[in-house]
Structures are given as C-alpha cells and as structure tokens.
Amino acid sequence: MEDNAVSWRVRAIRGATTASGNSADAIREAVNEMMAAIETENALDFDEIVSVTFSVTRDLNVIFPAAIARERPNWNNVPLLDVQQMHVESDLNFCIRCLIHFNTPHPHQPIHHIYQRGAKHLRPDWSLVKARVPSPLPSH
C-alpha cells in the first residue's frame, strides 16, 4: 500500500513597517501597503491561516491594525489580534509588526518576509527577502 498522507506543517511570515505618524490615515496606509506586499509575495491560502498577531509601538494608539486588515478582501474570517510591542528606548517609532501563522501541506514553499519603510533596518537581511527552506539532502 502506498502512503499518500500529506505532511502538514505550521509556518510563519513576518512583516514590519512604519507609519508616518499616529493618525488613522497614516496607520491605514502603512498596514495596507504591508499586507498587500505579504499577499503579493506569498502564496497564501486564507483557509490555512491559523492567526495573525499585530504589534505596535506605544506611540501608535488611534486605530487597531487588525481592524484595518479585516477590511481587506479574504481577511474577515481570519483570527486577528493586536498587542502593544514591549517598549525599548532605542526602538523604532511608529512601528507596526505582524506575525502570520499558517498550516501548509507544502512545508518547503518559499516564505517572503516583508520589511518596509523605516522597518527595513530591523532585518536588513529580510527586507523583502525571499527566505527559502533548504532542499532536503538526497539520500544515498
């Protein structure tokens, strides 16, 4: 008998950006830009998304990033959560981060982490990086 079982795995996509200020319009623009890039650069199946956590620095407090994401097509039924990022004195101002967990039957698919605007320097190695999972070594 052949084993046709699919091996599912939980994966994650990270994203970060900065808003130009603490206004609903500035936050909406930054979140929509980041989410559009995540959607464009990754092969997301919205039925496979487990949850998304958004964190913001303490200087952003006029609108929830999750509320903005929920307005986007396909995101209305995804569990979304907002939290305040731990304050570190040297942290980036007006920073919005997200972490998307998803189940996938394709554990080796490329992940494209999105770091935009002022957040590019947080992970210069991941600024719109196409992070690839190494191929398994051939068996001898």
N, C-alpha and C. Protein backbone atom coordinates (compact mmCIF):
# COMPACT_ATOMS: atom_id res chain seq x y z
N MET A 1 0.81 -1.17 0.00
CA MET A 1 0.00 0.00 0.00
C MET A 1 0.87 1.26 0.00
N GLU A 2 0.55 2.20 -0.84
CA GLU A 2 1.30 3.44 -0.93
C GLU A 2 0.77 4.44 0.09
N ASP A 3 1.68 5.14 0.76
CA ASP A 3 1.29 6.14 1.75
C ASP A 3 1.12 7.48 1.04
N ASN A 4 -0.12 7.96 0.93
CA ASN A 4 -0.41 9.23 0.27
C ASN A 4 -0.68 10.35 1.27
N ALA A 5 -0.29 10.15 2.52
CA ALA A 5 -0.54 11.15 3.55
C ALA A 5 0.23 12.44 3.25
N VAL A 6 -0.41 13.54 3.49
CA VAL A 6 0.21 14.84 3.31
C VAL A 6 0.83 15.25 4.64
N SER A 7 2.04 15.73 4.60
CA SER A 7 2.73 16.17 5.81
C SER A 7 2.53 17.67 5.99
N TRP A 8 1.60 18.05 6.88
CA TRP A 8 1.31 19.46 7.15
C TRP A 8 2.32 20.02 8.13
N ARG A 9 2.56 21.31 8.02
CA ARG A 9 3.49 21.96 8.91
C ARG A 9 3.01 23.39 9.18
N VAL A 10 3.24 23.89 10.38
CA VAL A 10 2.94 25.28 10.70
C VAL A 10 4.14 26.11 10.29
N ARG A 11 3.89 27.17 9.54
CA ARG A 11 4.94 28.10 9.08
C ARG A 11 4.53 29.50 9.51
N ALA A 12 5.42 30.45 9.36
CA ALA A 12 5.12 31.83 9.76
C ALA A 12 5.75 32.82 8.80
N ILE A 13 5.04 33.90 8.60
CA ILE A 13 5.52 35.02 7.79
C ILE A 13 5.62 36.22 8.73
N ARG A 14 6.73 36.92 8.67
CA ARG A 14 6.90 38.12 9.47
C ARG A 14 6.83 39.34 8.57
N GLY A 15 6.35 40.43 9.15
CA GLY A 15 6.31 41.69 8.44
C GLY A 15 6.48 42.84 9.40
N ALA A 16 7.00 43.93 8.91
CA ALA A 16 7.15 45.13 9.72
C ALA A 16 7.19 46.34 8.80
N THR A 17 6.68 47.44 9.31
CA THR A 17 6.67 48.69 8.58
C THR A 17 6.58 49.83 9.58
N THR A 18 6.60 51.04 9.09
CA THR A 18 6.39 52.20 9.95
C THR A 18 5.32 53.09 9.35
N ALA A 19 4.55 53.71 10.22
CA ALA A 19 3.57 54.71 9.80
C ALA A 19 4.26 56.07 9.84
N SER A 20 3.74 57.01 9.08
CA SER A 20 4.34 58.35 9.07
C SER A 20 3.94 59.15 10.30
N GLY A 21 2.98 58.65 11.08
CA GLY A 21 2.56 59.34 12.29
C GLY A 21 1.43 58.58 12.95
N ASN A 22 0.93 59.12 14.05
CA ASN A 22 -0.13 58.49 14.82
C ASN A 22 -1.49 59.02 14.37
N SER A 23 -1.84 58.69 13.15
CA SER A 23 -3.17 59.06 12.64
C SER A 23 -3.76 57.82 11.97
N ALA A 24 -5.08 57.76 11.94
CA ALA A 24 -5.74 56.62 11.32
C ALA A 24 -5.32 56.48 9.86
N ASP A 25 -5.22 57.60 9.14
CA ASP A 25 -4.82 57.53 7.73
C ASP A 25 -3.40 57.01 7.56
N ALA A 26 -2.47 57.47 8.40
CA ALA A 26 -1.07 57.04 8.29
C ALA A 26 -0.93 55.55 8.62
N ILE A 27 -1.63 55.10 9.66
CA ILE A 27 -1.57 53.69 10.04
C ILE A 27 -2.23 52.83 8.98
N ARG A 28 -3.38 53.26 8.49
CA ARG A 28 -4.09 52.52 7.44
C ARG A 28 -3.21 52.37 6.19
N GLU A 29 -2.57 53.44 5.78
CA GLU A 29 -1.70 53.39 4.60
C GLU A 29 -0.57 52.38 4.81
N ALA A 30 0.08 52.42 5.96
CA ALA A 30 1.21 51.52 6.23
C ALA A 30 0.77 50.06 6.31
N VAL A 31 -0.33 49.81 7.03
CA VAL A 31 -0.82 48.43 7.17
C VAL A 31 -1.25 47.89 5.81
N ASN A 32 -2.00 48.65 5.04
CA ASN A 32 -2.45 48.17 3.74
C ASN A 32 -1.28 47.90 2.80
N GLU A 33 -0.27 48.75 2.83
CA GLU A 33 0.92 48.54 2.00
C GLU A 33 1.64 47.25 2.40
N MET A 34 1.80 47.04 3.71
CA MET A 34 2.48 45.84 4.19
C MET A 34 1.68 44.58 3.85
N MET A 35 0.37 44.61 4.10
CA MET A 35 -0.47 43.43 3.84
C MET A 35 -0.53 43.13 2.34
N ALA A 36 -0.58 44.15 1.51
CA ALA A 36 -0.59 43.93 0.06
C ALA A 36 0.71 43.26 -0.38
N ALA A 37 1.83 43.69 0.18
CA ALA A 37 3.12 43.08 -0.17
C ALA A 37 3.18 41.63 0.31
N ILE A 38 2.68 41.37 1.51
CA ILE A 38 2.66 39.99 2.03
C ILE A 38 1.81 39.12 1.12
N GLU A 39 0.64 39.62 0.73
CA GLU A 39 -0.26 38.85 -0.15
C GLU A 39 0.38 38.61 -1.52
N THR A 40 1.01 39.63 -2.08
CA THR A 40 1.62 39.54 -3.41
C THR A 40 2.82 38.60 -3.42
N GLU A 41 3.64 38.66 -2.38
CA GLU A 41 4.90 37.92 -2.36
C GLU A 41 4.78 36.50 -1.82
N ASN A 42 3.63 36.15 -1.26
CA ASN A 42 3.46 34.81 -0.67
C ASN A 42 2.24 34.12 -1.26
N ALA A 43 2.32 32.82 -1.38
CA ALA A 43 1.20 32.02 -1.90
C ALA A 43 0.30 31.65 -0.72
N LEU A 44 -0.46 32.62 -0.22
CA LEU A 44 -1.33 32.39 0.93
C LEU A 44 -2.64 31.74 0.52
N ASP A 45 -3.01 30.72 1.28
CA ASP A 45 -4.35 30.16 1.18
C ASP A 45 -5.04 30.61 2.47
N PHE A 46 -6.00 31.49 2.36
CA PHE A 46 -6.62 32.09 3.54
C PHE A 46 -7.28 31.06 4.44
N ASP A 47 -7.66 29.90 3.90
CA ASP A 47 -8.23 28.84 4.72
C ASP A 47 -7.17 28.15 5.58
N GLU A 48 -5.91 28.35 5.26
CA GLU A 48 -4.82 27.72 6.01
C GLU A 48 -4.23 28.63 7.08
N ILE A 49 -4.62 29.90 7.10
CA ILE A 49 -4.07 30.83 8.09
C ILE A 49 -4.64 30.48 9.47
N VAL A 50 -3.75 30.31 10.43
CA VAL A 50 -4.15 29.99 11.81
C VAL A 50 -4.53 31.28 12.52
N SER A 51 -3.63 32.27 12.49
CA SER A 51 -3.90 33.55 13.14
C SER A 51 -2.83 34.56 12.75
N VAL A 52 -3.15 35.83 13.03
CA VAL A 52 -2.22 36.92 12.78
C VAL A 52 -2.16 37.79 14.03
N THR A 53 -0.95 38.07 14.48
CA THR A 53 -0.76 38.99 15.59
C THR A 53 -0.08 40.24 15.06
N PHE A 54 -0.68 41.37 15.34
CA PHE A 54 -0.07 42.67 15.03
C PHE A 54 0.44 43.26 16.32
N SER A 55 1.62 43.85 16.29
CA SER A 55 2.10 44.61 17.44
C SER A 55 2.47 46.00 16.96
N VAL A 56 2.26 46.96 17.84
CA VAL A 56 2.58 48.36 17.51
C VAL A 56 3.38 48.95 18.66
N THR A 57 4.22 49.90 18.34
CA THR A 57 4.94 50.63 19.38
C THR A 57 3.95 51.53 20.12
N ARG A 58 4.31 51.93 21.32
CA ARG A 58 3.36 52.64 22.18
C ARG A 58 2.94 54.01 21.66
N ASP A 59 3.61 54.52 20.64
CA ASP A 59 3.24 55.82 20.07
C ASP A 59 2.14 55.71 19.02
N LEU A 60 1.64 54.50 18.75
CA LEU A 60 0.51 54.29 17.83
C LEU A 60 -0.69 53.82 18.63
N ASN A 61 -1.74 54.65 18.69
CA ASN A 61 -2.87 54.28 19.54
C ASN A 61 -4.23 54.81 19.06
N VAL A 62 -4.34 55.15 17.77
CA VAL A 62 -5.62 55.70 17.29
C VAL A 62 -6.49 54.69 16.53
N ILE A 63 -5.89 53.60 16.08
CA ILE A 63 -6.65 52.59 15.34
C ILE A 63 -5.91 51.26 15.44
N PHE A 64 -6.67 50.17 15.44
CA PHE A 64 -6.08 48.83 15.50
C PHE A 64 -5.67 48.36 14.10
N PRO A 65 -4.44 47.91 13.93
CA PRO A 65 -4.05 47.34 12.63
C PRO A 65 -4.94 46.16 12.22
N ALA A 66 -5.38 45.35 13.18
CA ALA A 66 -6.25 44.22 12.85
C ALA A 66 -7.56 44.69 12.23
N ALA A 67 -8.08 45.81 12.70
CA ALA A 67 -9.32 46.35 12.13
C ALA A 67 -9.10 46.75 10.67
N ILE A 68 -7.93 47.25 10.38
CA ILE A 68 -7.59 47.64 9.00
C ILE A 68 -7.46 46.38 8.14
N ALA A 69 -6.73 45.38 8.64
CA ALA A 69 -6.56 44.13 7.89
C ALA A 69 -7.90 43.47 7.64
N ARG A 70 -8.79 43.52 8.62
CA ARG A 70 -10.11 42.87 8.49
C ARG A 70 -10.93 43.48 7.35
N GLU A 71 -10.64 44.72 6.97
CA GLU A 71 -11.35 45.39 5.87
C GLU A 71 -10.90 44.86 4.51
N ARG A 72 -9.75 44.19 4.47
CA ARG A 72 -9.19 43.70 3.21
C ARG A 72 -9.95 42.45 2.75
N PRO A 73 -10.04 42.24 1.45
CA PRO A 73 -10.68 41.01 0.95
C PRO A 73 -10.00 39.77 1.53
N ASN A 74 -10.78 38.79 1.92
CA ASN A 74 -10.34 37.48 2.43
C ASN A 74 -9.86 37.46 3.87
N TRP A 75 -9.73 38.59 4.52
CA TRP A 75 -9.19 38.62 5.88
C TRP A 75 -10.28 38.65 6.95
N ASN A 76 -11.52 38.80 6.59
CA ASN A 76 -12.60 38.96 7.56
C ASN A 76 -12.76 37.77 8.51
N ASN A 77 -12.48 36.56 8.05
CA ASN A 77 -12.66 35.37 8.89
C ASN A 77 -11.37 34.85 9.50
N VAL A 78 -10.28 35.58 9.35
CA VAL A 78 -9.00 35.19 9.93
C VAL A 78 -8.92 35.73 11.36
N PRO A 79 -8.53 34.91 12.34
CA PRO A 79 -8.36 35.43 13.70
C PRO A 79 -7.20 36.43 13.75
N LEU A 80 -7.51 37.66 14.14
CA LEU A 80 -6.54 38.74 14.18
C LEU A 80 -6.46 39.29 15.60
N LEU A 81 -5.26 39.66 16.05
CA LEU A 81 -5.05 40.17 17.39
C LEU A 81 -4.08 41.33 17.36
N ASP A 82 -4.36 42.36 18.16
CA ASP A 82 -3.44 43.50 18.32
C ASP A 82 -2.85 43.48 19.71
N VAL A 83 -1.55 43.76 19.80
CA VAL A 83 -0.87 43.91 21.08
C VAL A 83 0.09 45.09 20.99
N GLN A 84 0.47 45.59 22.16
CA GLN A 84 1.47 46.66 22.18
C GLN A 84 2.84 46.03 22.31
N GLN A 85 3.75 46.45 21.45
CA GLN A 85 5.12 45.96 21.46
C GLN A 85 5.79 46.41 22.76
N MET A 86 6.62 45.57 23.33
CA MET A 86 7.40 45.95 24.50
C MET A 86 8.19 47.22 24.18
N HIS A 87 8.19 48.18 25.10
CA HIS A 87 8.91 49.43 24.86
C HIS A 87 10.40 49.24 25.13
N VAL A 88 11.20 49.57 24.15
CA VAL A 88 12.65 49.60 24.28
C VAL A 88 13.07 51.00 23.85
N GLU A 89 13.86 51.64 24.66
CA GLU A 89 14.21 53.06 24.44
C GLU A 89 14.70 53.34 23.03
N SER A 90 15.48 52.46 22.46
CA SER A 90 16.06 52.71 21.13
C SER A 90 15.21 52.16 19.99
N ASP A 91 13.98 51.71 20.30
CA ASP A 91 13.13 51.11 19.27
C ASP A 91 12.71 52.14 18.23
N LEU A 92 12.29 51.63 17.12
CA LEU A 92 11.78 52.42 16.01
C LEU A 92 10.45 53.06 16.39
N ASN A 93 10.25 54.31 16.06
CA ASN A 93 8.97 54.98 16.31
C ASN A 93 7.94 54.59 15.26
N PHE A 94 6.67 54.60 15.66
CA PHE A 94 5.53 54.35 14.76
C PHE A 94 5.65 53.02 14.02
N CYS A 95 6.15 52.00 14.71
CA CYS A 95 6.41 50.70 14.07
C CYS A 95 5.23 49.75 14.24
N ILE A 96 4.90 49.06 13.16
CA ILE A 96 3.84 48.06 13.12
C ILE A 96 4.48 46.76 12.66
N ARG A 97 4.30 45.71 13.46
CA ARG A 97 4.83 44.40 13.10
C ARG A 97 3.68 43.41 12.98
N CYS A 98 3.88 42.36 12.20
CA CYS A 98 2.87 41.30 12.16
C CYS A 98 3.56 39.95 12.07
N LEU A 99 2.86 38.95 12.58
CA LEU A 99 3.32 37.57 12.52
C LEU A 99 2.13 36.72 12.11
N ILE A 100 2.25 36.10 10.95
CA ILE A 100 1.17 35.30 10.38
C ILE A 100 1.55 33.84 10.49
N HIS A 101 0.77 33.06 11.25
CA HIS A 101 0.97 31.62 11.34
C HIS A 101 -0.02 30.94 10.39
N PHE A 102 0.47 29.96 9.64
CA PHE A 102 -0.41 29.22 8.74
C PHE A 102 0.02 27.77 8.66
N ASN A 103 -0.95 26.90 8.43
CA ASN A 103 -0.70 25.48 8.19
C ASN A 103 -0.52 25.31 6.69
N THR A 104 0.37 24.42 6.32
CA THR A 104 0.55 24.20 4.89
C THR A 104 0.93 22.74 4.61
N PRO A 105 0.39 22.20 3.54
CA PRO A 105 0.82 20.87 3.11
C PRO A 105 2.09 20.97 2.26
N HIS A 106 2.60 22.19 2.09
CA HIS A 106 3.81 22.44 1.28
C HIS A 106 4.88 23.05 2.19
N PRO A 107 5.48 22.26 3.07
CA PRO A 107 6.39 22.81 4.07
C PRO A 107 7.67 23.42 3.50
N HIS A 108 7.96 23.18 2.24
CA HIS A 108 9.18 23.73 1.65
C HIS A 108 8.92 24.93 0.74
N GLN A 109 7.68 25.42 0.74
CA GLN A 109 7.40 26.58 -0.10
C GLN A 109 8.17 27.79 0.42
N PRO A 110 8.59 28.67 -0.47
CA PRO A 110 9.32 29.86 -0.03
C PRO A 110 8.45 30.77 0.83
N ILE A 111 9.07 31.42 1.79
CA ILE A 111 8.42 32.41 2.63
C ILE A 111 9.05 33.75 2.31
N HIS A 112 8.23 34.75 2.12
CA HIS A 112 8.71 36.09 1.79
C HIS A 112 8.36 37.02 2.95
N HIS A 113 9.34 37.30 3.80
CA HIS A 113 9.15 38.20 4.92
C HIS A 113 9.23 39.63 4.39
N ILE A 114 8.34 40.49 4.88
CA ILE A 114 8.23 41.85 4.33
C ILE A 114 8.65 42.87 5.39
N TYR A 115 9.70 43.59 5.11
CA TYR A 115 10.16 44.69 5.98
C TYR A 115 10.22 45.93 5.10
N GLN A 116 9.39 46.92 5.45
CA GLN A 116 9.26 48.10 4.61
C GLN A 116 9.54 49.38 5.38
N ARG A 117 9.65 50.44 4.60
CA ARG A 117 9.82 51.79 5.14
C ARG A 117 10.94 51.81 6.17
N GLY A 118 10.70 52.47 7.31
CA GLY A 118 11.73 52.57 8.35
C GLY A 118 12.07 51.26 9.01
N ALA A 119 11.25 50.22 8.81
CA ALA A 119 11.49 48.92 9.43
C ALA A 119 12.51 48.09 8.64
N LYS A 120 12.92 48.55 7.47
CA LYS A 120 13.88 47.78 6.67
C LYS A 120 15.15 47.47 7.44
N HIS A 121 15.58 48.40 8.28
CA HIS A 121 16.83 48.18 9.00
C HIS A 121 16.70 47.21 10.17
N LEU A 122 15.46 46.84 10.56
CA LEU A 122 15.28 45.87 11.64
C LEU A 122 15.85 44.52 11.25
N ARG A 123 15.63 44.13 10.03
CA ARG A 123 16.17 42.89 9.49
C ARG A 123 16.63 43.18 8.06
N PRO A 124 17.78 43.84 7.93
CA PRO A 124 18.22 44.16 6.56
C PRO A 124 18.39 42.93 5.70
N ASP A 125 18.63 41.79 6.34
CA ASP A 125 18.76 40.54 5.59
C ASP A 125 17.40 40.05 5.10
N TRP A 126 16.29 40.62 5.62
CA TRP A 126 14.95 40.17 5.25
C TRP A 126 14.12 41.25 4.59
N SER A 127 14.68 42.38 4.22
CA SER A 127 13.91 43.43 3.57
C SER A 127 13.43 42.93 2.22
N LEU A 128 12.14 42.54 2.18
CA LEU A 128 11.54 41.92 1.00
C LEU A 128 12.38 40.74 0.54
N VAL A 129 12.74 39.90 1.51
CA VAL A 129 13.57 38.74 1.25
C VAL A 129 12.71 37.55 0.88
N LYS A 130 13.22 36.75 0.04
CA LYS A 130 12.57 35.50 -0.30
C LYS A 130 13.32 34.41 0.46
N ALA A 131 12.86 34.14 1.68
CA ALA A 131 13.51 33.14 2.53
C ALA A 131 13.10 31.76 2.06
N ARG A 132 14.05 31.00 1.67
CA ARG A 132 13.77 29.68 1.13
C ARG A 132 14.19 28.61 2.12
N VAL A 133 13.42 27.58 2.17
CA VAL A 133 13.75 26.44 3.01
C VAL A 133 14.73 25.59 2.21
N PRO A 134 15.86 25.20 2.82
CA PRO A 134 16.81 24.37 2.06
C PRO A 134 16.16 23.06 1.63
N SER A 135 16.55 22.62 0.47
CA SER A 135 16.05 21.33 -0.02
C SER A 135 16.66 20.22 0.82
N PRO A 136 15.88 19.17 1.04
CA PRO A 136 16.42 18.05 1.80
C PRO A 136 17.61 17.45 1.03
N LEU A 137 18.58 16.96 1.79
CA LEU A 137 19.72 16.31 1.15
C LEU A 137 19.27 15.02 0.48
N PRO A 138 19.82 14.74 -0.66
CA PRO A 138 19.44 13.48 -1.33
C PRO A 138 19.94 12.30 -0.51
N SER A 139 19.15 11.26 -0.47
CA SER A 139 19.56 10.06 0.27
C SER A 139 20.45 9.21 -0.63
N HIS A 140 21.42 8.61 -0.03
CA HIS A 140 22.35 7.78 -0.81
C HIS A 140 22.06 6.33 -0.62
